[in-house]
Amino acid sequence: MRLIGLDPGLAVTGWGVIEAEGSRLAHVAHGTVETRADAQSEVRLARLFDGLAEVIARHRPDLAAIEEVFQNRNPQSTLKLGQARGVVLLAAGRAGLPVTELATRMIKKALTGTGAADKRQVAFMVQRLLPAAGPVAADAADALAVAIAAAGLTASASLATRRAS
């Protein structure tokens, strides 16, 4: 199964594509879609959509996994993040991808064993699990972490279904 993990953000949205076969993971690609802070909101959102649509078309994932939004102290930041998240969901939906949403704490726990891990610990585990990825920028590492966590959940659900049969 090919999964794309997405870490929404208006300035930078990280993406990471992996192949998962049982417990085996393989890095396919990763990167970011960036928007200019001085551009109008509608231009930034359109750029985000177009960039993600291109990535999805190029890598043809079977499933999209998206990190759930957390609440910021700054309402404006939360609103912008929500807009970016909506565009990320739209890009996946337009491509006909099923979407799974994962809480940040669940992603951290799946990779590090604790839901309170910091970004450095998550990035370290991404590197250990996907050594072929090479150096990975923070937003793309977060997206790969989302994909890895989703792959684990998908594998667990598949195993549970087989055992129940």
N, C-alpha and C. Protein backbone atom coordinates (compact mmCIF):
# COMPACT_ATOMS: atom_id res chain seq x y z
N MET A 1 0.85 -1.18 0.00
CA MET A 1 0.00 0.00 0.00
C MET A 1 0.89 1.23 0.00
N ARG A 2 0.52 2.22 -0.79
CA ARG A 2 1.24 3.48 -0.84
C ARG A 2 0.44 4.53 -0.08
N LEU A 3 1.11 5.18 0.87
CA LEU A 3 0.45 6.19 1.70
C LEU A 3 1.15 7.53 1.54
N ILE A 4 0.34 8.59 1.62
CA ILE A 4 0.90 9.93 1.68
C ILE A 4 0.51 10.52 3.03
N GLY A 5 1.50 10.96 3.75
CA GLY A 5 1.27 11.65 5.01
C GLY A 5 1.33 13.15 4.75
N LEU A 6 0.44 13.89 5.37
CA LEU A 6 0.34 15.33 5.16
C LEU A 6 0.32 16.07 6.48
N ASP A 7 1.18 17.08 6.59
CA ASP A 7 1.27 17.93 7.77
C ASP A 7 0.86 19.33 7.33
N PRO A 8 -0.42 19.69 7.52
CA PRO A 8 -0.93 20.96 6.98
C PRO A 8 -0.33 22.19 7.64
N GLY A 9 -0.14 23.21 6.83
CA GLY A 9 0.30 24.52 7.28
C GLY A 9 0.12 25.49 6.13
N LEU A 10 -0.22 26.72 6.41
CA LEU A 10 -0.42 27.69 5.33
C LEU A 10 0.92 28.12 4.74
N ALA A 11 1.91 28.35 5.55
CA ALA A 11 3.22 28.75 5.04
C ALA A 11 3.94 27.56 4.42
N VAL A 12 3.92 26.42 5.12
CA VAL A 12 4.59 25.21 4.65
C VAL A 12 3.73 24.00 5.00
N THR A 13 3.40 23.22 3.99
CA THR A 13 2.72 21.95 4.19
C THR A 13 3.71 20.85 3.83
N GLY A 14 3.97 19.97 4.79
CA GLY A 14 4.88 18.86 4.53
C GLY A 14 4.11 17.69 3.95
N TRP A 15 4.79 16.94 3.10
CA TRP A 15 4.22 15.71 2.56
C TRP A 15 5.30 14.63 2.51
N GLY A 16 4.87 13.39 2.68
CA GLY A 16 5.78 12.26 2.63
C GLY A 16 5.06 11.04 2.12
N VAL A 17 5.66 10.35 1.17
CA VAL A 17 5.05 9.16 0.57
C VAL A 17 5.90 7.95 0.93
N ILE A 18 5.22 6.91 1.41
CA ILE A 18 5.90 5.65 1.75
C ILE A 18 5.13 4.48 1.15
N GLU A 19 5.82 3.37 1.02
CA GLU A 19 5.22 2.09 0.67
C GLU A 19 5.22 1.25 1.94
N ALA A 20 4.10 0.61 2.22
CA ALA A 20 4.01 -0.24 3.40
C ALA A 20 3.51 -1.62 2.98
N GLU A 21 4.27 -2.63 3.35
CA GLU A 21 3.86 -4.00 3.12
C GLU A 21 4.04 -4.74 4.43
N GLY A 22 2.92 -4.97 5.12
CA GLY A 22 3.00 -5.53 6.46
C GLY A 22 3.74 -4.55 7.35
N SER A 23 4.79 -5.01 8.01
CA SER A 23 5.57 -4.12 8.88
C SER A 23 6.76 -3.50 8.15
N ARG A 24 6.93 -3.83 6.88
CA ARG A 24 8.05 -3.25 6.11
C ARG A 24 7.64 -1.91 5.51
N LEU A 25 8.51 -0.93 5.69
CA LEU A 25 8.28 0.41 5.18
C LEU A 25 9.39 0.79 4.21
N ALA A 26 9.02 1.51 3.17
CA ALA A 26 10.02 2.01 2.22
C ALA A 26 9.70 3.46 1.88
N HIS A 27 10.72 4.28 1.89
CA HIS A 27 10.58 5.69 1.53
C HIS A 27 10.39 5.80 0.01
N VAL A 28 9.45 6.61 -0.41
CA VAL A 28 9.24 6.88 -1.83
C VAL A 28 9.69 8.30 -2.15
N ALA A 29 9.15 9.28 -1.44
CA ALA A 29 9.50 10.68 -1.69
C ALA A 29 8.98 11.54 -0.54
N HIS A 30 9.51 12.73 -0.44
CA HIS A 30 9.02 13.68 0.55
C HIS A 30 9.34 15.09 0.09
N GLY A 31 8.67 16.05 0.69
CA GLY A 31 8.95 17.44 0.35
C GLY A 31 7.96 18.36 1.04
N THR A 32 7.93 19.58 0.55
CA THR A 32 7.02 20.58 1.10
C THR A 32 6.39 21.38 -0.03
N VAL A 33 5.24 21.93 0.27
CA VAL A 33 4.61 22.92 -0.59
C VAL A 33 4.62 24.20 0.23
N GLU A 34 5.25 25.22 -0.31
CA GLU A 34 5.39 26.47 0.42
C GLU A 34 4.64 27.60 -0.27
N THR A 35 4.15 28.53 0.55
CA THR A 35 3.47 29.70 0.02
C THR A 35 4.16 30.95 0.54
N ARG A 36 4.01 32.03 -0.19
CA ARG A 36 4.64 33.29 0.20
C ARG A 36 3.77 34.04 1.20
N ALA A 37 4.37 34.46 2.28
CA ALA A 37 3.64 35.15 3.35
C ALA A 37 3.04 36.46 2.88
N ASP A 38 3.62 37.08 1.86
CA ASP A 38 3.10 38.37 1.40
C ASP A 38 2.00 38.23 0.35
N ALA A 39 1.64 37.00 -0.02
CA ALA A 39 0.57 36.78 -1.00
C ALA A 39 -0.80 36.80 -0.32
N GLN A 40 -1.82 37.11 -1.09
CA GLN A 40 -3.19 37.09 -0.59
C GLN A 40 -3.58 35.66 -0.20
N SER A 41 -4.49 35.53 0.76
CA SER A 41 -4.89 34.21 1.26
C SER A 41 -5.36 33.30 0.14
N GLU A 42 -6.19 33.81 -0.77
CA GLU A 42 -6.73 32.97 -1.83
C GLU A 42 -5.62 32.46 -2.76
N VAL A 43 -4.58 33.27 -2.96
CA VAL A 43 -3.46 32.86 -3.79
C VAL A 43 -2.66 31.77 -3.08
N ARG A 44 -2.46 31.95 -1.79
CA ARG A 44 -1.72 30.96 -1.01
C ARG A 44 -2.46 29.62 -0.99
N LEU A 45 -3.77 29.67 -0.79
CA LEU A 45 -4.56 28.44 -0.74
C LEU A 45 -4.59 27.75 -2.10
N ALA A 46 -4.68 28.52 -3.17
CA ALA A 46 -4.65 27.95 -4.52
C ALA A 46 -3.29 27.29 -4.79
N ARG A 47 -2.20 27.94 -4.38
CA ARG A 47 -0.86 27.38 -4.55
C ARG A 47 -0.72 26.07 -3.78
N LEU A 48 -1.26 26.05 -2.58
CA LEU A 48 -1.22 24.84 -1.76
C LEU A 48 -1.98 23.71 -2.45
N PHE A 49 -3.18 24.00 -2.93
CA PHE A 49 -3.98 22.97 -3.61
C PHE A 49 -3.25 22.45 -4.85
N ASP A 50 -2.77 23.36 -5.69
CA ASP A 50 -2.10 22.96 -6.93
C ASP A 50 -0.85 22.11 -6.64
N GLY A 51 -0.08 22.53 -5.64
CA GLY A 51 1.12 21.78 -5.28
C GLY A 51 0.80 20.37 -4.80
N LEU A 52 -0.21 20.26 -3.95
CA LEU A 52 -0.59 18.93 -3.44
C LEU A 52 -1.20 18.07 -4.53
N ALA A 53 -2.02 18.68 -5.39
CA ALA A 53 -2.62 17.92 -6.49
C ALA A 53 -1.53 17.33 -7.38
N GLU A 54 -0.48 18.11 -7.62
CA GLU A 54 0.65 17.63 -8.44
C GLU A 54 1.37 16.48 -7.75
N VAL A 55 1.62 16.60 -6.46
CA VAL A 55 2.31 15.54 -5.71
C VAL A 55 1.48 14.26 -5.71
N ILE A 56 0.19 14.39 -5.48
CA ILE A 56 -0.71 13.22 -5.45
C ILE A 56 -0.76 12.56 -6.82
N ALA A 57 -0.85 13.35 -7.88
CA ALA A 57 -0.90 12.79 -9.23
C ALA A 57 0.42 12.08 -9.57
N ARG A 58 1.53 12.65 -9.15
CA ARG A 58 2.84 12.07 -9.46
C ARG A 58 3.08 10.76 -8.72
N HIS A 59 2.67 10.68 -7.45
CA HIS A 59 3.01 9.52 -6.63
C HIS A 59 1.88 8.51 -6.45
N ARG A 60 0.68 8.85 -6.82
CA ARG A 60 -0.48 7.96 -6.83
C ARG A 60 -0.65 7.12 -5.56
N PRO A 61 -0.81 7.78 -4.41
CA PRO A 61 -1.00 7.02 -3.17
C PRO A 61 -2.38 6.35 -3.14
N ASP A 62 -2.49 5.34 -2.28
CA ASP A 62 -3.76 4.64 -2.08
C ASP A 62 -4.56 5.23 -0.92
N LEU A 63 -3.87 5.95 -0.04
CA LEU A 63 -4.48 6.49 1.17
C LEU A 63 -3.76 7.77 1.57
N ALA A 64 -4.52 8.73 2.06
CA ALA A 64 -3.94 9.96 2.61
C ALA A 64 -4.13 9.95 4.12
N ALA A 65 -3.09 10.28 4.84
CA ALA A 65 -3.16 10.39 6.30
C ALA A 65 -2.81 11.84 6.65
N ILE A 66 -3.65 12.46 7.45
CA ILE A 66 -3.51 13.87 7.77
C ILE A 66 -3.48 14.06 9.28
N GLU A 67 -2.53 14.89 9.70
CA GLU A 67 -2.45 15.21 11.13
C GLU A 67 -3.61 16.11 11.50
N GLU A 68 -4.28 15.77 12.61
CA GLU A 68 -5.39 16.59 13.08
C GLU A 68 -4.88 17.93 13.56
N VAL A 69 -5.74 18.92 13.49
CA VAL A 69 -5.39 20.27 13.93
C VAL A 69 -5.41 20.34 15.44
N PHE A 70 -4.41 21.00 15.99
CA PHE A 70 -4.42 21.30 17.42
C PHE A 70 -4.81 22.76 17.56
N GLN A 71 -5.27 23.13 18.71
CA GLN A 71 -5.69 24.51 18.93
C GLN A 71 -4.52 25.36 19.39
N ASN A 72 -4.36 26.50 18.74
CA ASN A 72 -3.33 27.46 19.10
C ASN A 72 -3.89 28.46 20.11
N ARG A 73 -3.00 29.16 20.76
CA ARG A 73 -3.45 30.26 21.62
C ARG A 73 -3.89 31.44 20.77
N ASN A 74 -3.32 31.56 19.58
CA ASN A 74 -3.63 32.66 18.69
C ASN A 74 -4.76 32.25 17.74
N PRO A 75 -5.95 32.87 17.86
CA PRO A 75 -7.08 32.49 17.01
C PRO A 75 -6.79 32.67 15.51
N GLN A 76 -6.01 33.69 15.14
CA GLN A 76 -5.68 33.91 13.72
C GLN A 76 -4.85 32.75 13.18
N SER A 77 -3.91 32.27 13.97
CA SER A 77 -3.09 31.13 13.55
C SER A 77 -3.94 29.88 13.40
N THR A 78 -4.86 29.67 14.32
CA THR A 78 -5.75 28.52 14.25
C THR A 78 -6.61 28.59 13.00
N LEU A 79 -7.12 29.76 12.68
CA LEU A 79 -7.94 29.94 11.49
C LEU A 79 -7.15 29.63 10.22
N LYS A 80 -5.94 30.15 10.12
CA LYS A 80 -5.10 29.90 8.94
C LYS A 80 -4.76 28.43 8.80
N LEU A 81 -4.48 27.78 9.92
CA LEU A 81 -4.19 26.36 9.90
C LEU A 81 -5.43 25.58 9.45
N GLY A 82 -6.59 25.99 9.92
CA GLY A 82 -7.84 25.34 9.51
C GLY A 82 -8.10 25.49 8.02
N GLN A 83 -7.79 26.66 7.47
CA GLN A 83 -7.95 26.86 6.03
C GLN A 83 -7.01 25.95 5.25
N ALA A 84 -5.77 25.87 5.69
CA ALA A 84 -4.80 25.00 5.01
C ALA A 84 -5.24 23.54 5.11
N ARG A 85 -5.72 23.17 6.27
CA ARG A 85 -6.18 21.79 6.46
C ARG A 85 -7.35 21.46 5.54
N GLY A 86 -8.26 22.44 5.36
CA GLY A 86 -9.37 22.25 4.44
C GLY A 86 -8.90 22.02 3.02
N VAL A 87 -7.90 22.76 2.60
CA VAL A 87 -7.34 22.59 1.26
C VAL A 87 -6.67 21.22 1.13
N VAL A 88 -5.97 20.79 2.16
CA VAL A 88 -5.32 19.47 2.14
C VAL A 88 -6.39 18.38 2.00
N LEU A 89 -7.47 18.49 2.75
CA LEU A 89 -8.56 17.52 2.64
C LEU A 89 -9.20 17.57 1.25
N LEU A 90 -9.36 18.77 0.71
CA LEU A 90 -9.93 18.92 -0.62
C LEU A 90 -9.05 18.26 -1.67
N ALA A 91 -7.75 18.47 -1.60
CA ALA A 91 -6.84 17.86 -2.57
C ALA A 91 -6.94 16.33 -2.52
N ALA A 92 -6.97 15.77 -1.33
CA ALA A 92 -7.11 14.31 -1.19
C ALA A 92 -8.47 13.85 -1.71
N GLY A 93 -9.52 14.58 -1.35
CA GLY A 93 -10.86 14.22 -1.80
C GLY A 93 -11.02 14.29 -3.30
N ARG A 94 -10.49 15.34 -3.91
CA ARG A 94 -10.56 15.49 -5.37
C ARG A 94 -9.83 14.37 -6.08
N ALA A 95 -8.79 13.83 -5.46
CA ALA A 95 -8.04 12.73 -6.04
C ALA A 95 -8.69 11.38 -5.77
N GLY A 96 -9.80 11.39 -5.01
CA GLY A 96 -10.51 10.15 -4.70
C GLY A 96 -9.84 9.30 -3.65
N LEU A 97 -8.98 9.92 -2.83
CA LEU A 97 -8.26 9.16 -1.81
C LEU A 97 -9.08 9.03 -0.53
N PRO A 98 -9.11 7.84 0.04
CA PRO A 98 -9.64 7.75 1.40
C PRO A 98 -8.68 8.48 2.33
N VAL A 99 -9.23 9.10 3.37
CA VAL A 99 -8.44 9.90 4.29
C VAL A 99 -8.59 9.36 5.70
N THR A 100 -7.47 9.23 6.38
CA THR A 100 -7.49 8.93 7.80
C THR A 100 -6.84 10.10 8.52
N GLU A 101 -7.42 10.48 9.64
CA GLU A 101 -6.90 11.60 10.41
C GLU A 101 -6.35 11.08 11.73
N LEU A 102 -5.15 11.55 12.07
CA LEU A 102 -4.49 11.06 13.26
C LEU A 102 -4.16 12.21 14.20
N ALA A 103 -4.39 11.99 15.47
CA ALA A 103 -4.04 12.98 16.48
C ALA A 103 -2.53 13.04 16.63
N THR A 104 -2.03 14.21 16.92
CA THR A 104 -0.59 14.42 17.08
C THR A 104 0.01 13.49 18.12
N ARG A 105 -0.66 13.35 19.25
CA ARG A 105 -0.14 12.48 20.32
C ARG A 105 -0.08 11.02 19.86
N MET A 106 -1.05 10.59 19.04
CA MET A 106 -1.06 9.22 18.55
C MET A 106 0.13 8.98 17.60
N ILE A 107 0.42 9.96 16.76
CA ILE A 107 1.55 9.86 15.83
C ILE A 107 2.85 9.75 16.62
N LYS A 108 3.02 10.63 17.59
CA LYS A 108 4.24 10.62 18.41
C LYS A 108 4.39 9.29 19.14
N LYS A 109 3.30 8.80 19.69
CA LYS A 109 3.36 7.53 20.43
C LYS A 109 3.69 6.37 19.50
N ALA A 110 3.12 6.37 18.30
CA ALA A 110 3.39 5.29 17.34
C ALA A 110 4.87 5.24 16.95
N LEU A 111 5.50 6.40 16.87
CA LEU A 111 6.90 6.43 16.44
C LEU A 111 7.90 6.31 17.58
N THR A 112 7.59 6.92 18.71
CA THR A 112 8.59 7.00 19.79
C THR A 112 8.21 6.23 21.04
N GLY A 113 6.95 5.83 21.14
CA GLY A 113 6.51 5.14 22.35
C GLY A 113 5.90 6.08 23.39
N THR A 114 5.99 7.40 23.14
CA THR A 114 5.38 8.37 24.06
C THR A 114 4.70 9.48 23.26
N GLY A 115 3.52 9.85 23.71
CA GLY A 115 2.78 10.93 23.07
C GLY A 115 3.32 12.30 23.37
N ALA A 116 4.30 12.38 24.26
CA ALA A 116 4.88 13.67 24.64
C ALA A 116 6.23 13.91 23.98
N ALA A 117 6.59 13.12 22.97
CA ALA A 117 7.88 13.28 22.31
C ALA A 117 7.99 14.65 21.64
N ASP A 118 9.21 15.15 21.54
CA ASP A 118 9.39 16.42 20.84
C ASP A 118 9.72 16.17 19.37
N LYS A 119 9.76 17.24 18.59
CA LYS A 119 9.99 17.13 17.15
C LYS A 119 11.31 16.45 16.83
N ARG A 120 12.32 16.69 17.62
CA ARG A 120 13.63 16.11 17.39
C ARG A 120 13.57 14.58 17.51
N GLN A 121 12.84 14.09 18.53
CA GLN A 121 12.71 12.65 18.72
C GLN A 121 11.93 12.00 17.57
N VAL A 122 10.88 12.68 17.11
CA VAL A 122 10.09 12.16 15.99
C VAL A 122 10.95 12.10 14.73
N ALA A 123 11.68 13.18 14.45
CA ALA A 123 12.55 13.21 13.27
C ALA A 123 13.61 12.12 13.33
N PHE A 124 14.15 11.87 14.53
CA PHE A 124 15.15 10.81 14.71
C PHE A 124 14.55 9.45 14.33
N MET A 125 13.33 9.19 14.79
CA MET A 125 12.70 7.90 14.50
C MET A 125 12.34 7.78 13.02
N VAL A 126 11.94 8.87 12.39
CA VAL A 126 11.67 8.84 10.95
C VAL A 126 12.95 8.43 10.22
N GLN A 127 14.07 9.00 10.61
CA GLN A 127 15.36 8.68 9.99
C GLN A 127 15.73 7.23 10.22
N ARG A 128 15.46 6.71 11.41
CA ARG A 128 15.78 5.30 11.72
C ARG A 128 14.89 4.34 10.94
N LEU A 129 13.61 4.69 10.79
CA LEU A 129 12.67 3.80 10.10
C LEU A 129 12.77 3.91 8.58
N LEU A 130 13.20 5.08 8.10
CA LEU A 130 13.31 5.31 6.65
C LEU A 130 14.70 5.86 6.32
N PRO A 131 15.74 5.06 6.50
CA PRO A 131 17.10 5.59 6.28
C PRO A 131 17.34 6.06 4.85
N ALA A 132 16.64 5.50 3.88
CA ALA A 132 16.83 5.92 2.49
C ALA A 132 16.33 7.34 2.24
N ALA A 133 15.57 7.88 3.17
CA ALA A 133 15.05 9.24 2.99
C ALA A 133 16.15 10.28 3.06
N GLY A 134 17.26 9.96 3.73
CA GLY A 134 18.33 10.93 3.90
C GLY A 134 17.88 12.04 4.84
N PRO A 135 18.57 13.18 4.80
CA PRO A 135 18.18 14.30 5.66
C PRO A 135 16.79 14.81 5.26
N VAL A 136 15.95 15.05 6.26
CA VAL A 136 14.57 15.47 5.99
C VAL A 136 14.27 16.72 6.81
N ALA A 137 13.78 17.76 6.14
CA ALA A 137 13.37 19.00 6.82
C ALA A 137 12.21 18.70 7.77
N ALA A 138 12.03 19.54 8.76
CA ALA A 138 11.06 19.32 9.83
C ALA A 138 9.64 19.04 9.33
N ASP A 139 9.11 19.86 8.42
CA ASP A 139 7.73 19.67 7.98
C ASP A 139 7.55 18.37 7.21
N ALA A 140 8.53 18.02 6.38
CA ALA A 140 8.46 16.75 5.66
C ALA A 140 8.64 15.57 6.61
N ALA A 141 9.48 15.71 7.63
CA ALA A 141 9.66 14.65 8.63
C ALA A 141 8.34 14.41 9.37
N ASP A 142 7.66 15.48 9.71
CA ASP A 142 6.35 15.34 10.37
C ASP A 142 5.37 14.60 9.46
N ALA A 143 5.38 14.92 8.17
CA ALA A 143 4.48 14.26 7.23
C ALA A 143 4.83 12.78 7.08
N LEU A 144 6.11 12.46 7.02
CA LEU A 144 6.51 11.05 6.96
C LEU A 144 6.09 10.33 8.23
N ALA A 145 6.18 11.00 9.37
CA ALA A 145 5.74 10.41 10.64
C ALA A 145 4.24 10.09 10.59
N VAL A 146 3.46 10.97 10.00
CA VAL A 146 2.02 10.73 9.86
C VAL A 146 1.79 9.48 9.01
N ALA A 147 2.52 9.37 7.90
CA ALA A 147 2.38 8.21 7.03
C ALA A 147 2.78 6.92 7.73
N ILE A 148 3.88 6.97 8.47
CA ILE A 148 4.35 5.78 9.20
C ILE A 148 3.32 5.34 10.23
N ALA A 149 2.78 6.29 10.99
CA ALA A 149 1.77 5.96 12.00
C ALA A 149 0.53 5.37 11.33
N ALA A 150 0.11 5.94 10.22
CA ALA A 150 -1.07 5.43 9.50
C ALA A 150 -0.81 4.03 8.97
N ALA A 151 0.41 3.78 8.50
CA ALA A 151 0.75 2.44 8.01
C ALA A 151 0.65 1.42 9.14
N GLY A 152 1.09 1.80 10.32
CA GLY A 152 0.99 0.91 11.47
C GLY A 152 -0.45 0.61 11.84
N LEU A 153 -1.29 1.62 11.80
CA LEU A 153 -2.70 1.42 12.11
C LEU A 153 -3.38 0.57 11.05
N THR A 154 -3.02 0.79 9.79
CA THR A 154 -3.61 0.03 8.69
C THR A 154 -3.19 -1.44 8.80
N ALA A 155 -1.93 -1.68 9.12
CA ALA A 155 -1.44 -3.05 9.28
C ALA A 155 -2.13 -3.74 10.45
N SER A 156 -2.33 -3.01 11.55
CA SER A 156 -3.00 -3.59 12.73
C SER A 156 -4.44 -3.92 12.41
N ALA A 157 -5.13 -3.04 11.68
CA ALA A 157 -6.53 -3.27 11.32
C ALA A 157 -6.64 -4.47 10.38
N SER A 158 -5.69 -4.60 9.45
CA SER A 158 -5.69 -5.71 8.52
C SER A 158 -5.47 -7.03 9.25
N LEU A 159 -4.54 -7.03 10.20
CA LEU A 159 -4.27 -8.23 10.98
C LEU A 159 -5.48 -8.61 11.82
N ALA A 160 -6.14 -7.65 12.43
CA ALA A 160 -7.33 -7.93 13.22
C ALA A 160 -8.44 -8.50 12.37
N THR A 161 -8.59 -8.00 11.16
CA THR A 161 -9.62 -8.49 10.24
C THR A 161 -9.32 -9.93 9.84
N ARG A 162 -8.06 -10.25 9.56
CA ARG A 162 -7.69 -11.62 9.19
C ARG A 162 -7.92 -12.59 10.34
N ARG A 163 -7.61 -12.15 11.56
CA ARG A 163 -7.80 -13.03 12.74
C ARG A 163 -9.27 -13.28 12.99
N ALA A 164 -10.12 -12.30 12.70
CA ALA A 164 -11.55 -12.44 12.95
C ALA A 164 -12.21 -13.35 11.92
N SER A 165 -11.58 -13.50 10.77
CA SER A 165 -12.16 -14.33 9.69
C SER A 165 -12.04 -15.79 9.96
